[in-house]
Amino acid sequence: MVDLESDVFTCTPSYALYLAETAEEMGHDPRELPISTVVFGAEPCTDPMREEIEERLDVTGIDIYGLSEIIGPGVSNECHEAQDGLHIWEDHFLPEVVDPRTGEPVEEGEEGELVLTTLSKEALPVLRYRTGDLTTLDYEECECGRTMVRMDNVTGRADDLLIVRGVNLYPSEIEHAVLDVDGVAPHYRIDLDREENLDVLELTVERAEDTDRGHAELREEILERLENVLSFTPDELTLVEAGGIARSEVGKVQRVYDHR
């Protein structure tokens, strides 16, 4: 990037943070790299993670969405001006949002499973393809002036639902709650086990490298936030030092490990 003066970088959200860490290890200040924009996709990205990417690299973070069954990257993307939802290119794709349990359309603005129909694809057209991705649709005109419908950032997948002793949770909900805590790095791990026929969830959270907050204080705030936001308390919460959770160098990051 330094040699070629690269201006735009496209990757998964987790890889953008891995890049920042690697740059520091190589003796570079990530904020002084020539890139000004990071286009990320292929993984859900919560607002706290986006803020971390923008802060660590001094860039504008733009979310992009696509899937191999439809076209790959390019079904929708955020505009640089507003960063407020991903514009779906309605001249090529007809979007719907349905209840993932019943398949019935939901009310405008209500979260559900994204369904896409291709309008211009000739070799392999797709009719009402259920993507499995959870989002909402916004038909209001964007601040940038574009009028195409916008989808919200994908909050998770319909098949990502974790049911732990009767409590329904999505990993992205846990991520959003935890990353709002000051002193926490955007890296976490969820381990699911079964003990004596009961589901057990262990949450591992990484401390931010520059935080001076103690383990006990961080632990208490994380547990309090999970209870207040999700009415949920993990069976075990482990805090590790910066770099204590393995990074994904290739492909999508794995957050959930189901050992049941």
C-alpha atoms as a PDB file:
ATOM      1  CA  MET A   1       0.000   0.000   0.000  1.00  0.00           C
ATOM      2  CA  VAL A   2       2.820   2.377   0.846  1.00  0.00           C
ATOM      3  CA  ASP A   3       4.749   1.548  -2.331  1.00  0.00           C
ATOM      4  CA  LEU A   4       1.738   1.653  -4.668  1.00  0.00           C
ATOM      5  CA  GLU A   5      -0.064   4.473  -2.823  1.00  0.00           C
ATOM      6  CA  SER A   6      -3.238   2.374  -2.687  1.00  0.00           C
ATOM      7  CA  ASP A   7      -6.301   4.530  -2.052  1.00  0.00           C
ATOM      8  CA  VAL A   8      -9.088   1.949  -1.583  1.00  0.00           C
ATOM      9  CA  PHE A   9      -8.990  -1.396   0.189  1.00  0.00           C
ATOM     10  CA  THR A  10     -11.743  -4.023  -0.001  1.00  0.00           C
ATOM     11  CA  CYS A  11     -11.969  -6.946   2.418  1.00  0.00           C
ATOM     12  CA  THR A  12     -13.981  -8.440   5.275  1.00  0.00           C
ATOM     13  CA  PRO A  13     -14.454  -6.203   8.354  1.00  0.00           C
ATOM     14  CA  SER A  14     -12.325  -8.492  10.516  1.00  0.00           C
ATOM     15  CA  TYR A  15      -9.525  -8.436   7.937  1.00  0.00           C
ATOM     16  CA  ALA A  16      -9.435  -4.624   7.981  1.00  0.00           C
ATOM     17  CA  LEU A  17      -8.629  -4.774  11.691  1.00  0.00           C
ATOM     18  CA  TYR A  18      -6.095  -7.540  11.049  1.00  0.00           C
ATOM     19  CA  LEU A  19      -4.444  -5.245   8.498  1.00  0.00           C
ATOM     20  CA  ALA A  20      -4.192  -2.461  11.082  1.00  0.00           C
ATOM     21  CA  GLU A  21      -2.553  -4.810  13.598  1.00  0.00           C
ATOM     22  CA  THR A  22      -0.131  -6.184  10.999  1.00  0.00           C
ATOM     23  CA  ALA A  23       0.845  -2.672   9.865  1.00  0.00           C
ATOM     24  CA  GLU A  24       1.710  -1.760  13.449  1.00  0.00           C
ATOM     25  CA  GLU A  25       3.790  -4.925  13.817  1.00  0.00           C
ATOM     26  CA  MET A  26       5.682  -3.945  10.643  1.00  0.00           C
ATOM     27  CA  GLY A  27       6.416  -0.492  12.051  1.00  0.00           C
ATOM     28  CA  HIS A  28       3.800   1.491  10.125  1.00  0.00           C
ATOM     29  CA  ASP A  29       1.179   3.798  11.601  1.00  0.00           C
ATOM     30  CA  PRO A  30      -2.099   2.419  10.126  1.00  0.00           C
ATOM     31  CA  ARG A  31      -3.596   5.917  10.099  1.00  0.00           C
ATOM     32  CA  GLU A  32      -0.796   7.141   7.842  1.00  0.00           C
ATOM     33  CA  LEU A  33      -1.347   4.523   5.130  1.00  0.00           C
ATOM     34  CA  PRO A  34      -2.513   6.136   1.859  1.00  0.00           C
ATOM     35  CA  ILE A  35      -5.909   4.394   1.857  1.00  0.00           C
ATOM     36  CA  SER A  36      -8.902   6.687   2.400  1.00  0.00           C
ATOM     37  CA  THR A  37     -11.749   4.185   1.932  1.00  0.00           C
ATOM     38  CA  VAL A  38     -12.307   0.615   3.084  1.00  0.00           C
ATOM     39  CA  VAL A  39     -15.082  -1.287   1.307  1.00  0.00           C
ATOM     40  CA  PHE A  40     -16.028  -4.272   3.449  1.00  0.00           C
ATOM     41  CA  GLY A  41     -18.449  -7.157   3.097  1.00  0.00           C
ATOM     42  CA  ALA A  42     -18.985 -10.936   3.446  1.00  0.00           C
ATOM     43  CA  GLU A  43     -19.446 -10.629   7.231  1.00  0.00           C
ATOM     44  CA  PRO A  44     -21.973  -8.751   9.376  1.00  0.00           C
ATOM     45  CA  CYS A  45     -20.472  -5.481  10.576  1.00  0.00           C
ATOM     46  CA  THR A  46     -21.978  -3.691  13.558  1.00  0.00           C
ATOM     47  CA  ASP A  47     -21.663   0.062  14.046  1.00  0.00           C
ATOM     48  CA  PRO A  48     -19.051  -0.314  16.824  1.00  0.00           C
ATOM     49  CA  MET A  49     -16.871  -2.447  14.525  1.00  0.00           C
ATOM     50  CA  ARG A  50     -17.224   0.084  11.690  1.00  0.00           C
ATOM     51  CA  GLU A  51     -16.191   2.868  14.079  1.00  0.00           C
ATOM     52  CA  GLU A  52     -13.160   0.827  15.118  1.00  0.00           C
ATOM     53  CA  ILE A  53     -12.130   0.300  11.478  1.00  0.00           C
ATOM     54  CA  GLU A  54     -12.529   3.989  10.660  1.00  0.00           C
ATOM     55  CA  GLU A  55     -10.614   5.054  13.758  1.00  0.00           C
ATOM     56  CA  ARG A  56      -7.762   2.548  13.440  1.00  0.00           C
ATOM     57  CA  LEU A  57      -7.137   3.256   9.748  1.00  0.00           C
ATOM     58  CA  ASP A  58      -8.413   6.850   9.474  1.00  0.00           C
ATOM     59  CA  VAL A  59     -10.731   5.895   6.613  1.00  0.00           C
ATOM     60  CA  THR A  60     -14.356   5.989   5.539  1.00  0.00           C
ATOM     61  CA  GLY A  61     -15.900   2.528   5.881  1.00  0.00           C
ATOM     62  CA  ILE A  62     -18.395   1.503   3.188  1.00  0.00           C
ATOM     63  CA  ASP A  63     -20.487  -1.657   3.489  1.00  0.00           C
ATOM     64  CA  ILE A  64     -21.158  -3.718   0.356  1.00  0.00           C
ATOM     65  CA  TYR A  65     -23.496  -6.694  -0.006  1.00  0.00           C
ATOM     66  CA  GLY A  66     -23.781  -9.573  -2.421  1.00  0.00           C
ATOM     67  CA  LEU A  67     -24.040 -13.332  -2.629  1.00  0.00           C
ATOM     68  CA  SER A  68     -22.703 -15.896  -5.069  1.00  0.00           C
ATOM     69  CA  GLU A  69     -26.140 -17.270  -5.962  1.00  0.00           C
ATOM     70  CA  ILE A  70     -27.226 -13.859  -7.271  1.00  0.00           C
ATOM     71  CA  ILE A  71     -24.193 -12.033  -8.686  1.00  0.00           C
ATOM     72  CA  GLY A  72     -21.491 -11.957  -6.011  1.00  0.00           C
ATOM     73  CA  PRO A  73     -20.574  -8.526  -4.590  1.00  0.00           C
ATOM     74  CA  GLY A  74     -22.687  -5.758  -6.060  1.00  0.00           C
ATOM     75  CA  VAL A  75     -26.302  -6.376  -5.071  1.00  0.00           C
ATOM     76  CA  SER A  76     -26.165  -3.246  -2.924  1.00  0.00           C
ATOM     77  CA  ASN A  77     -23.741  -0.878  -1.265  1.00  0.00           C
ATOM     78  CA  GLU A  78     -23.662   2.200   0.911  1.00  0.00           C
ATOM     79  CA  CYS A  79     -23.072   5.650  -0.504  1.00  0.00           C
ATOM     80  CA  HIS A  80     -20.037   7.579   0.640  1.00  0.00           C
ATOM     81  CA  GLU A  81     -22.161  10.656   1.388  1.00  0.00           C
ATOM     82  CA  ALA A  82     -24.592   9.247   3.975  1.00  0.00           C
ATOM     83  CA  GLN A  83     -23.393   5.756   5.018  1.00  0.00           C
ATOM     84  CA  ASP A  84     -27.013   5.143   5.963  1.00  0.00           C
ATOM     85  CA  GLY A  85     -28.126   1.848   4.473  1.00  0.00           C
ATOM     86  CA  LEU A  86     -27.085  -0.034   1.354  1.00  0.00           C
ATOM     87  CA  HIS A  87     -28.665   1.072  -1.932  1.00  0.00           C
ATOM     88  CA  ILE A  88     -30.126  -1.947  -3.745  1.00  0.00           C
ATOM     89  CA  TRP A  89     -29.862  -1.636  -7.521  1.00  0.00           C
ATOM     90  CA  GLU A  90     -33.560  -2.105  -8.220  1.00  0.00           C
ATOM     91  CA  ASP A  91     -33.114  -2.084 -11.986  1.00  0.00           C
ATOM     92  CA  HIS A  92     -31.419  -5.475 -11.552  1.00  0.00           C
ATOM     93  CA  PHE A  93     -32.843  -6.930  -8.315  1.00  0.00           C
ATOM     94  CA  LEU A  94     -36.322  -6.979  -6.785  1.00  0.00           C
ATOM     95  CA  PRO A  95     -36.011  -7.106  -2.969  1.00  0.00           C
ATOM     96  CA  GLU A  96     -38.522  -8.313  -0.383  1.00  0.00           C
ATOM     97  CA  VAL A  97     -38.301  -8.986   3.348  1.00  0.00           C
ATOM     98  CA  VAL A  98     -40.257 -11.924   4.775  1.00  0.00           C
ATOM     99  CA  ASP A  99     -40.812 -13.591   8.112  1.00  0.00           C
ATOM    100  CA  PRO A 100     -38.098 -16.305   8.214  1.00  0.00           C
ATOM    101  CA  ARG A 101     -40.503 -18.724   9.915  1.00  0.00           C
ATOM    102  CA  THR A 102     -43.564 -18.331   7.703  1.00  0.00           C
ATOM    103  CA  GLY A 103     -42.186 -16.837   4.482  1.00  0.00           C
ATOM    104  CA  GLU A 104     -44.890 -14.166   4.567  1.00  0.00           C
ATOM    105  CA  PRO A 105     -43.957 -10.516   3.771  1.00  0.00           C
ATOM    106  CA  VAL A 106     -43.417  -8.296   6.817  1.00  0.00           C
ATOM    107  CA  GLU A 107     -44.476  -4.679   7.304  1.00  0.00           C
ATOM    108  CA  GLU A 108     -42.255  -1.961   5.814  1.00  0.00           C
ATOM    109  CA  GLY A 109     -39.334  -1.276   8.158  1.00  0.00           C
ATOM    110  CA  GLU A 110     -39.759  -4.560  10.046  1.00  0.00           C
ATOM    111  CA  GLU A 111     -36.775  -6.907  10.213  1.00  0.00           C
ATOM    112  CA  GLY A 112     -36.929 -10.206   8.400  1.00  0.00           C
ATOM    113  CA  GLU A 113     -35.193 -12.393   5.844  1.00  0.00           C
ATOM    114  CA  LEU A 114     -34.100 -10.752   2.603  1.00  0.00           C
ATOM    115  CA  VAL A 115     -35.571 -12.321  -0.561  1.00  0.00           C
ATOM    116  CA  LEU A 116     -34.228 -11.394  -4.003  1.00  0.00           C
ATOM    117  CA  THR A 117     -35.464 -11.847  -7.561  1.00  0.00           C
ATOM    118  CA  THR A 118     -33.096 -11.114 -10.459  1.00  0.00           C
ATOM    119  CA  LEU A 119     -34.550  -8.888 -13.180  1.00  0.00           C
ATOM    120  CA  SER A 120     -31.719  -8.755 -15.715  1.00  0.00           C
ATOM    121  CA  LYS A 121     -29.805 -11.995 -15.189  1.00  0.00           C
ATOM    122  CA  GLU A 122     -30.121 -14.193 -18.293  1.00  0.00           C
ATOM    123  CA  ALA A 123     -28.023 -17.331 -17.840  1.00  0.00           C
ATOM    124  CA  LEU A 124     -29.266 -18.223 -14.375  1.00  0.00           C
ATOM    125  CA  PRO A 125     -32.251 -16.124 -13.283  1.00  0.00           C
ATOM    126  CA  VAL A 126     -33.379 -16.537  -9.674  1.00  0.00           C
ATOM    127  CA  LEU A 127     -36.978 -16.106  -8.500  1.00  0.00           C
ATOM    128  CA  ARG A 128     -37.689 -15.137  -4.886  1.00  0.00           C
ATOM    129  CA  TYR A 129     -34.407 -16.535  -3.570  1.00  0.00           C
ATOM    130  CA  ARG A 130     -34.317 -16.656   0.226  1.00  0.00           C
ATOM    131  CA  THR A 131     -30.897 -15.329   1.178  1.00  0.00           C
ATOM    132  CA  GLY A 132     -31.032 -16.256   4.868  1.00  0.00           C
ATOM    133  CA  ASP A 133     -29.771 -12.733   5.713  1.00  0.00           C
ATOM    134  CA  LEU A 134     -31.703 -10.633   8.226  1.00  0.00           C
ATOM    135  CA  THR A 135     -32.280  -6.960   7.454  1.00  0.00           C
ATOM    136  CA  THR A 136     -34.885  -4.220   6.954  1.00  0.00           C
ATOM    137  CA  LEU A 137     -35.830  -2.140   3.894  1.00  0.00           C
ATOM    138  CA  ASP A 138     -36.103   1.660   3.821  1.00  0.00           C
ATOM    139  CA  TYR A 139     -37.958   3.243   0.879  1.00  0.00           C
ATOM    140  CA  GLU A 140     -37.347   6.876   1.899  1.00  0.00           C
ATOM    141  CA  GLU A 141     -35.062   9.036  -0.243  1.00  0.00           C
ATOM    142  CA  CYS A 142     -31.480   8.974   0.972  1.00  0.00           C
ATOM    143  CA  GLU A 143     -29.610  12.123   2.029  1.00  0.00           C
ATOM    144  CA  CYS A 144     -27.400  11.591  -1.046  1.00  0.00           C
ATOM    145  CA  GLY A 145     -30.443  12.068  -3.303  1.00  0.00           C
ATOM    146  CA  ARG A 146     -30.728   8.485  -4.536  1.00  0.00           C
ATOM    147  CA  THR A 147     -34.236   7.026  -4.423  1.00  0.00           C
ATOM    148  CA  MET A 148     -33.533   3.293  -4.708  1.00  0.00           C
ATOM    149  CA  VAL A 149     -34.587   1.239  -1.706  1.00  0.00           C
ATOM    150  CA  ARG A 150     -31.949   0.803   0.989  1.00  0.00           C
ATOM    151  CA  MET A 151     -31.351  -2.273   3.086  1.00  0.00           C
ATOM    152  CA  ASP A 152     -29.947  -1.984   6.590  1.00  0.00           C
ATOM    153  CA  ASN A 153     -26.656  -3.657   7.474  1.00  0.00           C
ATOM    154  CA  VAL A 154     -27.193  -7.403   7.772  1.00  0.00           C
ATOM    155  CA  THR A 155     -27.665  -8.149  11.482  1.00  0.00           C
ATOM    156  CA  GLY A 156     -27.214 -11.896  11.135  1.00  0.00           C
ATOM    157  CA  ARG A 157     -28.547 -14.958   9.406  1.00  0.00           C
ATOM    158  CA  ALA A 158     -31.814 -16.773   9.978  1.00  0.00           C
ATOM    159  CA  ASP A 159     -29.844 -19.997  10.559  1.00  0.00           C
ATOM    160  CA  ASP A 160     -27.385 -18.259  12.971  1.00  0.00           C
ATOM    161  CA  LEU A 161     -29.963 -18.156  15.735  1.00  0.00           C
ATOM    162  CA  LEU A 162     -28.570 -19.499  19.002  1.00  0.00           C
ATOM    163  CA  ILE A 163     -31.086 -21.037  21.390  1.00  0.00           C
ATOM    164  CA  VAL A 164     -29.534 -21.365  24.833  1.00  0.00           C
ATOM    165  CA  ARG A 165     -31.870 -22.683  27.532  1.00  0.00           C
ATOM    166  CA  GLY A 166     -34.868 -21.121  25.823  1.00  0.00           C
ATOM    167  CA  VAL A 167     -33.216 -17.739  25.139  1.00  0.00           C
ATOM    168  CA  ASN A 168     -32.982 -16.748  21.450  1.00  0.00           C
ATOM    169  CA  LEU A 169     -29.807 -14.873  20.538  1.00  0.00           C
ATOM    170  CA  TYR A 170     -27.970 -13.847  17.388  1.00  0.00           C
ATOM    171  CA  PRO A 171     -24.152 -13.509  17.578  1.00  0.00           C
ATOM    172  CA  SER A 172     -24.429 -10.002  16.112  1.00  0.00           C
ATOM    173  CA  GLU A 173     -26.635  -8.953  19.043  1.00  0.00           C
ATOM    174  CA  ILE A 174     -23.982 -10.115  21.496  1.00  0.00           C
ATOM    175  CA  GLU A 175     -21.300  -8.339  19.451  1.00  0.00           C
ATOM    176  CA  HIS A 176     -23.218  -5.062  19.376  1.00  0.00           C
ATOM    177  CA  ALA A 177     -23.806  -5.115  23.129  1.00  0.00           C
ATOM    178  CA  VAL A 178     -20.233  -6.032  24.049  1.00  0.00           C
ATOM    179  CA  LEU A 179     -18.445  -3.660  21.653  1.00  0.00           C
ATOM    180  CA  ASP A 180     -20.312  -0.697  23.112  1.00  0.00           C
ATOM    181  CA  VAL A 181     -18.259  -1.187  26.282  1.00  0.00           C
ATOM    182  CA  ASP A 182     -15.237   1.104  26.487  1.00  0.00           C
ATOM    183  CA  GLY A 183     -11.995  -0.857  26.717  1.00  0.00           C
ATOM    184  CA  VAL A 184     -13.109  -3.858  24.647  1.00  0.00           C
ATOM    185  CA  ALA A 185     -11.484  -4.801  21.334  1.00  0.00           C
ATOM    186  CA  PRO A 186     -13.690  -5.862  18.360  1.00  0.00           C
ATOM    187  CA  HIS A 187     -12.726  -9.516  18.758  1.00  0.00           C
ATOM    188  CA  TYR A 188     -14.786 -12.123  20.581  1.00  0.00           C
ATOM    189  CA  ARG A 189     -15.533 -15.834  20.578  1.00  0.00           C
ATOM    190  CA  ILE A 190     -18.645 -17.829  21.516  1.00  0.00           C
ATOM    191  CA  ASP A 191     -18.296 -21.480  22.588  1.00  0.00           C
ATOM    192  CA  LEU A 192     -21.380 -23.657  23.005  1.00  0.00           C
ATOM    193  CA  ASP A 193     -21.302 -26.899  24.976  1.00  0.00           C
ATOM    194  CA  ARG A 194     -23.810 -29.233  26.576  1.00  0.00           C
ATOM    195  CA  GLU A 195     -23.421 -30.281  30.200  1.00  0.00           C
ATOM    196  CA  GLU A 196     -25.893 -32.689  31.781  1.00  0.00           C
ATOM    197  CA  ASN A 197     -28.351 -32.079  28.914  1.00  0.00           C
ATOM    198  CA  LEU A 198     -28.195 -28.297  29.399  1.00  0.00           C
ATOM    199  CA  ASP A 199     -26.752 -25.844  26.879  1.00  0.00           C
ATOM    200  CA  VAL A 200     -23.802 -23.824  28.173  1.00  0.00           C
ATOM    201  CA  LEU A 201     -22.458 -20.659  26.519  1.00  0.00           C
ATOM    202  CA  GLU A 202     -18.954 -19.362  27.162  1.00  0.00           C
ATOM    203  CA  LEU A 203     -18.114 -15.878  25.906  1.00  0.00           C
ATOM    204  CA  THR A 204     -14.486 -14.830  25.407  1.00  0.00           C
ATOM    205  CA  VAL A 205     -13.829 -11.112  24.959  1.00  0.00           C
ATOM    206  CA  GLU A 206     -10.557  -9.398  24.115  1.00  0.00           C
ATOM    207  CA  ARG A 207      -9.375  -6.302  25.964  1.00  0.00           C
ATOM    208  CA  ALA A 208      -8.433  -3.235  23.917  1.00  0.00           C
ATOM    209  CA  GLU A 209      -4.698  -2.822  23.649  1.00  0.00           C
ATOM    210  CA  ASP A 210      -4.638   0.722  25.075  1.00  0.00           C
ATOM    211  CA  THR A 211      -7.161   0.311  27.886  1.00  0.00           C
ATOM    212  CA  ASP A 212      -6.155   0.789  31.503  1.00  0.00           C
ATOM    213  CA  ARG A 213      -9.421  -0.565  32.900  1.00  0.00           C
ATOM    214  CA  GLY A 214      -9.121  -3.536  35.210  1.00  0.00           C
ATOM    215  CA  HIS A 215     -10.455  -7.020  34.470  1.00  0.00           C
ATOM    216  CA  ALA A 216     -13.035  -6.867  37.244  1.00  0.00           C
ATOM    217  CA  GLU A 217     -14.420  -3.505  36.114  1.00  0.00           C
ATOM    218  CA  LEU A 218     -14.651  -4.564  32.463  1.00  0.00           C
ATOM    219  CA  ARG A 219     -16.182  -7.904  33.353  1.00  0.00           C
ATOM    220  CA  GLU A 220     -18.868  -6.293  35.495  1.00  0.00           C
ATOM    221  CA  GLU A 221     -19.815  -3.758  32.804  1.00  0.00           C
ATOM    222  CA  ILE A 222     -19.972  -6.417  30.056  1.00  0.00           C
ATOM    223  CA  LEU A 223     -22.237  -8.637  32.154  1.00  0.00           C
ATOM    224  CA  GLU A 224     -24.418  -5.686  33.111  1.00  0.00           C
ATOM    225  CA  ARG A 225     -24.791  -4.589  29.489  1.00  0.00           C
ATOM    226  CA  LEU A 226     -25.667  -8.082  28.269  1.00  0.00           C
ATOM    227  CA  GLU A 227     -28.322  -8.344  30.956  1.00  0.00           C
ATOM    228  CA  ASN A 228     -29.767  -4.866  30.279  1.00  0.00           C
ATOM    229  CA  VAL A 229     -29.756  -5.129  26.466  1.00  0.00           C
ATOM    230  CA  LEU A 230     -30.418  -8.830  25.868  1.00  0.00           C
ATOM    231  CA  SER A 231     -31.690 -10.087  29.246  1.00  0.00           C
ATOM    232  CA  PHE A 232     -28.931 -12.665  29.005  1.00  0.00           C
ATOM    233  CA  THR A 233     -25.932 -13.709  31.107  1.00  0.00           C
ATOM    234  CA  PRO A 234     -23.305 -16.111  29.702  1.00  0.00           C
ATOM    235  CA  ASP A 235     -22.445 -19.134  31.801  1.00  0.00           C
ATOM    236  CA  GLU A 236     -18.814 -18.115  31.658  1.00  0.00           C
ATOM    237  CA  LEU A 237     -17.165 -14.851  30.633  1.00  0.00           C
ATOM    238  CA  THR A 238     -13.435 -14.846  29.941  1.00  0.00           C
ATOM    239  CA  LEU A 239     -11.375 -11.708  29.316  1.00  0.00           C
ATOM    240  CA  VAL A 240      -8.098 -12.094  27.422  1.00  0.00           C
ATOM    241  CA  GLU A 241      -5.343  -9.627  26.654  1.00  0.00           C
ATOM    242  CA  ALA A 242      -5.008  -7.878  23.275  1.00  0.00           C
ATOM    243  CA  GLY A 243      -4.201 -10.450  20.583  1.00  0.00           C
ATOM    244  CA  GLY A 244      -5.499 -13.315  22.717  1.00  0.00           C
ATOM    245  CA  ILE A 245      -8.171 -14.365  20.198  1.00  0.00           C
ATOM    246  CA  ALA A 246      -6.946 -15.967  16.959  1.00  0.00           C
ATOM    247  CA  ARG A 247      -7.258 -13.824  13.835  1.00  0.00           C
ATOM    248  CA  SER A 248      -8.552 -15.018  10.466  1.00  0.00           C
ATOM    249  CA  GLU A 249      -5.878 -14.429   7.827  1.00  0.00           C
ATOM    250  CA  VAL A 250      -7.916 -15.976   5.007  1.00  0.00           C
ATOM    251  CA  GLY A 251     -11.680 -16.089   4.472  1.00  0.00           C
ATOM    252  CA  LYS A 252     -14.465 -15.155   6.853  1.00  0.00           C
ATOM    253  CA  VAL A 253     -13.848 -14.926  10.566  1.00  0.00           C
ATOM    254  CA  GLN A 254     -15.399 -17.631  12.749  1.00  0.00           C
ATOM    255  CA  ARG A 255     -17.078 -16.317  15.876  1.00  0.00           C
ATOM    256  CA  VAL A 256     -19.194 -19.257  17.028  1.00  0.00           C
ATOM    257  CA  TYR A 257     -17.833 -22.708  17.925  1.00  0.00           C
ATOM    258  CA  ASP A 258     -20.621 -25.199  18.608  1.00  0.00           C
ATOM    259  CA  HIS A 259     -19.258 -28.264  20.438  1.00  0.00           C
ATOM    260  CA  ARG A 260     -22.664 -29.768  21.211  1.00  0.00           C
END
